[in-house]
All heavy atoms as atom14 arrays in JSON, in Angstrom:
{
  "sequence": "SGLCQALAPPSPEAGDITSHWVSPGCQRRSL",
  "atom14_mask": [
    [1, 1, 1, 1, 1, 1, 0, 0, 0, 0, 0, 0, 0, 0],
    [1, 1, 1, 1, 0, 0, 0, 0, 0, 0, 0, 0, 0, 0],
    [1, 1, 1, 1, 1, 1, 1, 1, 0, 0, 0, 0, 0, 0],
    [1, 1, 1, 1, 1, 1, 0, 0, 0, 0, 0, 0, 0, 0],
    [1, 1, 1, 1, 1, 1, 1, 1, 1, 0, 0, 0, 0, 0],
    [1, 1, 1, 1, 1, 0, 0, 0, 0, 0, 0, 0, 0, 0],
    [1, 1, 1, 1, 1, 1, 1, 1, 0, 0, 0, 0, 0, 0],
    [1, 1, 1, 1, 1, 0, 0, 0, 0, 0, 0, 0, 0, 0],
    [1, 1, 1, 1, 1, 1, 1, 0, 0, 0, 0, 0, 0, 0],
    [1, 1, 1, 1, 1, 1, 1, 0, 0, 0, 0, 0, 0, 0],
    [1, 1, 1, 1, 1, 1, 0, 0, 0, 0, 0, 0, 0, 0],
    [1, 1, 1, 1, 1, 1, 1, 0, 0, 0, 0, 0, 0, 0],
    [1, 1, 1, 1, 1, 1, 1, 1, 1, 0, 0, 0, 0, 0],
    [1, 1, 1, 1, 1, 0, 0, 0, 0, 0, 0, 0, 0, 0],
    [1, 1, 1, 1, 0, 0, 0, 0, 0, 0, 0, 0, 0, 0],
    [1, 1, 1, 1, 1, 1, 1, 1, 0, 0, 0, 0, 0, 0],
    [1, 1, 1, 1, 1, 1, 1, 1, 0, 0, 0, 0, 0, 0],
    [1, 1, 1, 1, 1, 1, 1, 0, 0, 0, 0, 0, 0, 0],
    [1, 1, 1, 1, 1, 1, 0, 0, 0, 0, 0, 0, 0, 0],
    [1, 1, 1, 1, 1, 1, 1, 1, 1, 1, 0, 0, 0, 0],
    [1, 1, 1, 1, 1, 1, 1, 1, 1, 1, 1, 1, 1, 1],
    [1, 1, 1, 1, 1, 1, 1, 0, 0, 0, 0, 0, 0, 0],
    [1, 1, 1, 1, 1, 1, 0, 0, 0, 0, 0, 0, 0, 0],
    [1, 1, 1, 1, 1, 1, 1, 0, 0, 0, 0, 0, 0, 0],
    [1, 1, 1, 1, 0, 0, 0, 0, 0, 0, 0, 0, 0, 0],
    [1, 1, 1, 1, 1, 1, 0, 0, 0, 0, 0, 0, 0, 0],
    [1, 1, 1, 1, 1, 1, 1, 1, 1, 0, 0, 0, 0, 0],
    [1, 1, 1, 1, 1, 1, 1, 1, 1, 1, 1, 0, 0, 0],
    [1, 1, 1, 1, 1, 1, 1, 1, 1, 1, 1, 0, 0, 0],
    [1, 1, 1, 1, 1, 1, 0, 0, 0, 0, 0, 0, 0, 0],
    [1, 1, 1, 1, 1, 1, 1, 1, 0, 0, 0, 0, 0, 0]
  ],
  "atom14_positions": [
    [[228.09, 228.33, 69.22], [228.85, 228.81, 68.08], [230.32, 228.93, 68.43], [231.19, 228.58, 67.65], [228.29, 230.17, 67.63], [229.08, 230.72, 66.6], [0.0, 0.0, 0.0], [0.0, 0.0, 0.0], [0.0, 0.0, 0.0], [0.0, 0.0, 0.0], [0.0, 0.0, 0.0], [0.0, 0.0, 0.0], [0.0, 0.0, 0.0], [0.0, 0.0, 0.0]],
    [[230.6, 229.45, 69.63], [231.99, 229.59, 70.05], [232.67, 228.24, 70.18], [233.84, 228.08, 69.83], [0.0, 0.0, 0.0], [0.0, 0.0, 0.0], [0.0, 0.0, 0.0], [0.0, 0.0, 0.0], [0.0, 0.0, 0.0], [0.0, 0.0, 0.0], [0.0, 0.0, 0.0], [0.0, 0.0, 0.0], [0.0, 0.0, 0.0], [0.0, 0.0, 0.0]],
    [[231.95, 227.24, 70.67], [232.52, 225.91, 70.81], [232.81, 225.32, 69.44], [233.86, 224.7, 69.23], [231.56, 225.01, 71.58], [232.04, 223.6, 71.89], [233.31, 223.66, 72.7], [230.97, 222.83, 72.64], [0.0, 0.0, 0.0], [0.0, 0.0, 0.0], [0.0, 0.0, 0.0], [0.0, 0.0, 0.0], [0.0, 0.0, 0.0], [0.0, 0.0, 0.0]],
    [[231.92, 225.5, 68.5], [232.15, 224.99, 67.14], [233.38, 225.65, 66.52], [234.18, 225.0, 65.85], [230.93, 225.24, 66.26], [229.48, 224.25, 66.72], [0.0, 0.0, 0.0], [0.0, 0.0, 0.0], [0.0, 0.0, 0.0], [0.0, 0.0, 0.0], [0.0, 0.0, 0.0], [0.0, 0.0, 0.0], [0.0, 0.0, 0.0], [0.0, 0.0, 0.0]],
    [[233.54, 226.98, 66.74], [234.69, 227.67, 66.2], [235.97, 227.17, 66.85], [237.01, 227.01, 66.19], [234.55, 229.17, 66.4], [233.45, 229.8, 65.55], [233.28, 231.28, 65.83], [233.98, 231.84, 66.66], [232.36, 231.91, 65.12], [0.0, 0.0, 0.0], [0.0, 0.0, 0.0], [0.0, 0.0, 0.0], [0.0, 0.0, 0.0], [0.0, 0.0, 0.0]],
    [[235.92, 226.92, 68.15], [237.11, 226.46, 68.86], [237.54, 225.09, 68.38], [238.72, 224.76, 68.4], [236.85, 226.42, 70.36], [0.0, 0.0, 0.0], [0.0, 0.0, 0.0], [0.0, 0.0, 0.0], [0.0, 0.0, 0.0], [0.0, 0.0, 0.0], [0.0, 0.0, 0.0], [0.0, 0.0, 0.0], [0.0, 0.0, 0.0], [0.0, 0.0, 0.0]],
    [[236.59, 224.27, 67.91], [236.9, 222.92, 67.46], [237.06, 222.83, 65.95], [237.26, 221.75, 65.42], [235.8, 221.95, 67.9], [235.71, 221.71, 69.4], [234.51, 220.83, 69.71], [236.97, 221.08, 69.92], [0.0, 0.0, 0.0], [0.0, 0.0, 0.0], [0.0, 0.0, 0.0], [0.0, 0.0, 0.0], [0.0, 0.0, 0.0], [0.0, 0.0, 0.0]],
    [[236.95, 223.96, 65.28], [237.07, 223.95, 63.82], [238.47, 223.55, 63.41], [239.44, 223.87, 64.1], [236.74, 225.34, 63.25], [0.0, 0.0, 0.0], [0.0, 0.0, 0.0], [0.0, 0.0, 0.0], [0.0, 0.0, 0.0], [0.0, 0.0, 0.0], [0.0, 0.0, 0.0], [0.0, 0.0, 0.0], [0.0, 0.0, 0.0], [0.0, 0.0, 0.0]],
    [[238.63, 222.85, 62.29], [239.96, 222.47, 61.84], [240.76, 223.7, 61.45], [240.2, 224.74, 61.1], [239.68, 221.57, 60.62], [238.32, 221.97, 60.16], [237.57, 222.37, 61.38], [0.0, 0.0, 0.0], [0.0, 0.0, 0.0], [0.0, 0.0, 0.0], [0.0, 0.0, 0.0], [0.0, 0.0, 0.0], [0.0, 0.0, 0.0], [0.0, 0.0, 0.0]],
    [[242.09, 223.65, 61.52], [242.9, 224.81, 61.19], [242.74, 225.18, 59.72], [242.47, 224.33, 58.87], [244.33, 224.33, 61.49], [244.25, 222.83, 61.43], [242.88, 222.48, 61.9], [0.0, 0.0, 0.0], [0.0, 0.0, 0.0], [0.0, 0.0, 0.0], [0.0, 0.0, 0.0], [0.0, 0.0, 0.0], [0.0, 0.0, 0.0], [0.0, 0.0, 0.0]],
    [[242.91, 226.46, 59.43], [242.76, 226.93, 58.07], [243.92, 226.45, 57.22], [245.02, 226.21, 57.71], [242.72, 228.47, 58.06], [243.95, 228.99, 58.5], [0.0, 0.0, 0.0], [0.0, 0.0, 0.0], [0.0, 0.0, 0.0], [0.0, 0.0, 0.0], [0.0, 0.0, 0.0], [0.0, 0.0, 0.0], [0.0, 0.0, 0.0], [0.0, 0.0, 0.0]],
    [[243.73, 226.3, 55.9], [244.81, 225.84, 55.03], [246.01, 226.76, 55.05], [247.12, 226.35, 54.76], [244.14, 225.8, 53.64], [242.67, 225.74, 53.91], [242.47, 226.49, 55.17], [0.0, 0.0, 0.0], [0.0, 0.0, 0.0], [0.0, 0.0, 0.0], [0.0, 0.0, 0.0], [0.0, 0.0, 0.0], [0.0, 0.0, 0.0], [0.0, 0.0, 0.0]],
    [[245.78, 228.04, 55.37], [246.89, 229.0, 55.36], [247.76, 228.89, 56.59], [248.85, 229.43, 56.65], [246.35, 230.43, 55.27], [245.64, 230.74, 53.95], [244.22, 230.22, 53.92], [243.71, 229.84, 54.99], [243.63, 230.18, 52.83], [0.0, 0.0, 0.0], [0.0, 0.0, 0.0], [0.0, 0.0, 0.0], [0.0, 0.0, 0.0], [0.0, 0.0, 0.0]],
    [[247.26, 228.22, 57.64], [248.0, 228.18, 58.9], [249.29, 227.38, 58.74], [249.32, 226.35, 58.09], [247.14, 227.54, 59.99], [0.0, 0.0, 0.0], [0.0, 0.0, 0.0], [0.0, 0.0, 0.0], [0.0, 0.0, 0.0], [0.0, 0.0, 0.0], [0.0, 0.0, 0.0], [0.0, 0.0, 0.0], [0.0, 0.0, 0.0], [0.0, 0.0, 0.0]],
    [[250.35, 227.87, 59.37], [251.63, 227.18, 59.33], [251.63, 226.0, 60.27], [250.75, 225.81, 61.08], [0.0, 0.0, 0.0], [0.0, 0.0, 0.0], [0.0, 0.0, 0.0], [0.0, 0.0, 0.0], [0.0, 0.0, 0.0], [0.0, 0.0, 0.0], [0.0, 0.0, 0.0], [0.0, 0.0, 0.0], [0.0, 0.0, 0.0], [0.0, 0.0, 0.0]],
    [[252.67, 225.19, 60.17], [252.8, 224.02, 61.02], [253.35, 224.43, 62.37], [254.42, 225.0, 62.47], [253.76, 223.02, 60.35], [253.83, 221.71, 61.09], [253.31, 221.64, 62.21], [254.41, 220.76, 60.53], [0.0, 0.0, 0.0], [0.0, 0.0, 0.0], [0.0, 0.0, 0.0], [0.0, 0.0, 0.0], [0.0, 0.0, 0.0], [0.0, 0.0, 0.0]],
    [[252.59, 224.13, 63.43], [253.01, 224.54, 64.76], [254.34, 223.92, 65.15], [255.12, 224.51, 65.88], [251.93, 224.15, 65.79], [252.24, 224.77, 67.15], [251.8, 222.65, 65.94], [251.1, 224.63, 68.14], [0.0, 0.0, 0.0], [0.0, 0.0, 0.0], [0.0, 0.0, 0.0], [0.0, 0.0, 0.0], [0.0, 0.0, 0.0], [0.0, 0.0, 0.0]],
    [[254.66, 222.76, 64.61], [255.91, 222.11, 64.98], [257.12, 222.85, 64.44], [258.22, 222.68, 64.95], [255.95, 220.66, 64.44], [255.91, 220.68, 63.02], [254.78, 219.87, 64.96], [0.0, 0.0, 0.0], [0.0, 0.0, 0.0], [0.0, 0.0, 0.0], [0.0, 0.0, 0.0], [0.0, 0.0, 0.0], [0.0, 0.0, 0.0], [0.0, 0.0, 0.0]],
    [[256.94, 223.69, 63.44], [258.07, 224.37, 62.86], [258.7, 225.37, 63.81], [259.81, 225.83, 63.59], [257.64, 225.1, 61.57], [256.71, 226.13, 61.9], [0.0, 0.0, 0.0], [0.0, 0.0, 0.0], [0.0, 0.0, 0.0], [0.0, 0.0, 0.0], [0.0, 0.0, 0.0], [0.0, 0.0, 0.0], [0.0, 0.0, 0.0], [0.0, 0.0, 0.0]],
    [[258.03, 225.69, 64.89], [258.56, 226.66, 65.83], [259.59, 226.05, 66.77], [260.28, 226.78, 67.46], [257.42, 227.27, 66.65], [256.52, 228.14, 65.81], [256.7, 229.5, 65.7], [255.45, 227.83, 65.05], [255.76, 230.0, 64.91], [254.99, 229.01, 64.5], [0.0, 0.0, 0.0], [0.0, 0.0, 0.0], [0.0, 0.0, 0.0], [0.0, 0.0, 0.0]],
    [[259.65, 224.7, 66.85], [260.65, 224.14, 67.76], [261.28, 222.84, 67.26], [262.01, 222.18, 67.97], [260.06, 223.9, 69.14], [258.94, 222.93, 69.19], [259.02, 221.58, 69.21], [257.55, 223.23, 69.23], [257.78, 221.01, 69.27], [256.86, 222.01, 69.29], [256.82, 224.43, 69.24], [255.49, 221.94, 69.34], [255.46, 224.36, 69.29], [254.81, 223.13, 69.33]],
    [[261.02, 222.48, 66.0], [261.6, 221.27, 65.44], [262.36, 221.63, 64.18], [261.97, 222.52, 63.44], [260.5, 220.24, 65.11], [261.12, 218.95, 64.63], [259.64, 219.97, 66.34], [0.0, 0.0, 0.0], [0.0, 0.0, 0.0], [0.0, 0.0, 0.0], [0.0, 0.0, 0.0], [0.0, 0.0, 0.0], [0.0, 0.0, 0.0], [0.0, 0.0, 0.0]],
    [[263.44, 220.93, 63.93], [264.25, 221.2, 62.76], [263.44, 220.99, 61.49], [262.5, 220.21, 61.46], [265.47, 220.28, 62.76], [265.07, 218.92, 62.68], [0.0, 0.0, 0.0], [0.0, 0.0, 0.0], [0.0, 0.0, 0.0], [0.0, 0.0, 0.0], [0.0, 0.0, 0.0], [0.0, 0.0, 0.0], [0.0, 0.0, 0.0], [0.0, 0.0, 0.0]],
    [[263.82, 221.65, 60.36], [263.05, 221.52, 59.12], [262.87, 220.08, 58.67], [261.85, 219.71, 58.13], [263.88, 222.33, 58.12], [264.62, 223.32, 58.96], [264.92, 222.61, 60.25], [0.0, 0.0, 0.0], [0.0, 0.0, 0.0], [0.0, 0.0, 0.0], [0.0, 0.0, 0.0], [0.0, 0.0, 0.0], [0.0, 0.0, 0.0], [0.0, 0.0, 0.0]],
    [[263.89, 219.23, 58.92], [263.77, 217.84, 58.51], [262.66, 217.11, 59.22], [262.08, 216.16, 58.7], [0.0, 0.0, 0.0], [0.0, 0.0, 0.0], [0.0, 0.0, 0.0], [0.0, 0.0, 0.0], [0.0, 0.0, 0.0], [0.0, 0.0, 0.0], [0.0, 0.0, 0.0], [0.0, 0.0, 0.0], [0.0, 0.0, 0.0], [0.0, 0.0, 0.0]],
    [[262.34, 217.57, 60.43], [261.29, 216.92, 61.22], [259.92, 217.43, 60.87], [258.92, 216.84, 61.25], [261.54, 217.13, 62.72], [262.84, 216.07, 63.37], [0.0, 0.0, 0.0], [0.0, 0.0, 0.0], [0.0, 0.0, 0.0], [0.0, 0.0, 0.0], [0.0, 0.0, 0.0], [0.0, 0.0, 0.0], [0.0, 0.0, 0.0], [0.0, 0.0, 0.0]],
    [[259.82, 218.54, 60.17], [258.51, 219.12, 59.88], [257.7, 218.22, 58.97], [256.48, 218.3, 58.96], [258.69, 220.5, 59.22], [259.3, 221.53, 60.14], [259.51, 222.86, 59.44], [258.78, 223.18, 58.51], [260.5, 223.6, 59.88], [0.0, 0.0, 0.0], [0.0, 0.0, 0.0], [0.0, 0.0, 0.0], [0.0, 0.0, 0.0], [0.0, 0.0, 0.0]],
    [[258.37, 217.35, 58.22], [257.63, 216.48, 57.3], [257.11, 215.25, 58.02], [256.39, 214.46, 57.45], [258.56, 216.06, 56.14], [258.95, 217.22, 55.23], [259.73, 216.71, 54.03], [261.01, 216.13, 54.42], [262.13, 216.83, 54.56], [262.12, 218.13, 54.35], [263.25, 216.23, 54.89], [0.0, 0.0, 0.0], [0.0, 0.0, 0.0], [0.0, 0.0, 0.0]],
    [[257.53, 215.05, 59.28], [257.06, 213.92, 60.06], [256.3, 214.45, 61.26], [256.31, 215.64, 61.54], [258.23, 213.06, 60.52], [259.17, 212.64, 59.39], [260.32, 211.83, 59.98], [261.3, 211.48, 58.96], [262.34, 212.23, 58.68], [262.54, 213.38, 59.3], [263.2, 211.84, 57.75], [0.0, 0.0, 0.0], [0.0, 0.0, 0.0], [0.0, 0.0, 0.0]],
    [[255.68, 213.58, 62.0], [254.99, 214.01, 63.21], [256.01, 214.39, 64.26], [257.1, 213.84, 64.33], [254.08, 212.9, 63.74], [254.87, 211.9, 64.36], [0.0, 0.0, 0.0], [0.0, 0.0, 0.0], [0.0, 0.0, 0.0], [0.0, 0.0, 0.0], [0.0, 0.0, 0.0], [0.0, 0.0, 0.0], [0.0, 0.0, 0.0], [0.0, 0.0, 0.0]],
    [[255.63, 215.36, 65.08], [256.51, 215.8, 66.17], [256.83, 214.64, 67.1], [257.96, 214.48, 67.54], [255.81, 216.92, 66.95], [256.49, 217.38, 68.24], [257.85, 217.95, 67.94], [255.61, 218.4, 68.95], [0.0, 0.0, 0.0], [0.0, 0.0, 0.0], [0.0, 0.0, 0.0], [0.0, 0.0, 0.0], [0.0, 0.0, 0.0], [0.0, 0.0, 0.0]]
  ]
}
């Protein structure tokens, strides 16, 4: 069960991890 949770896709509410170190213009593209 723990492994399944660890591999579960991110929730829709989760923010984009790239936004923490990439400019806003880059958030619409892949890091």
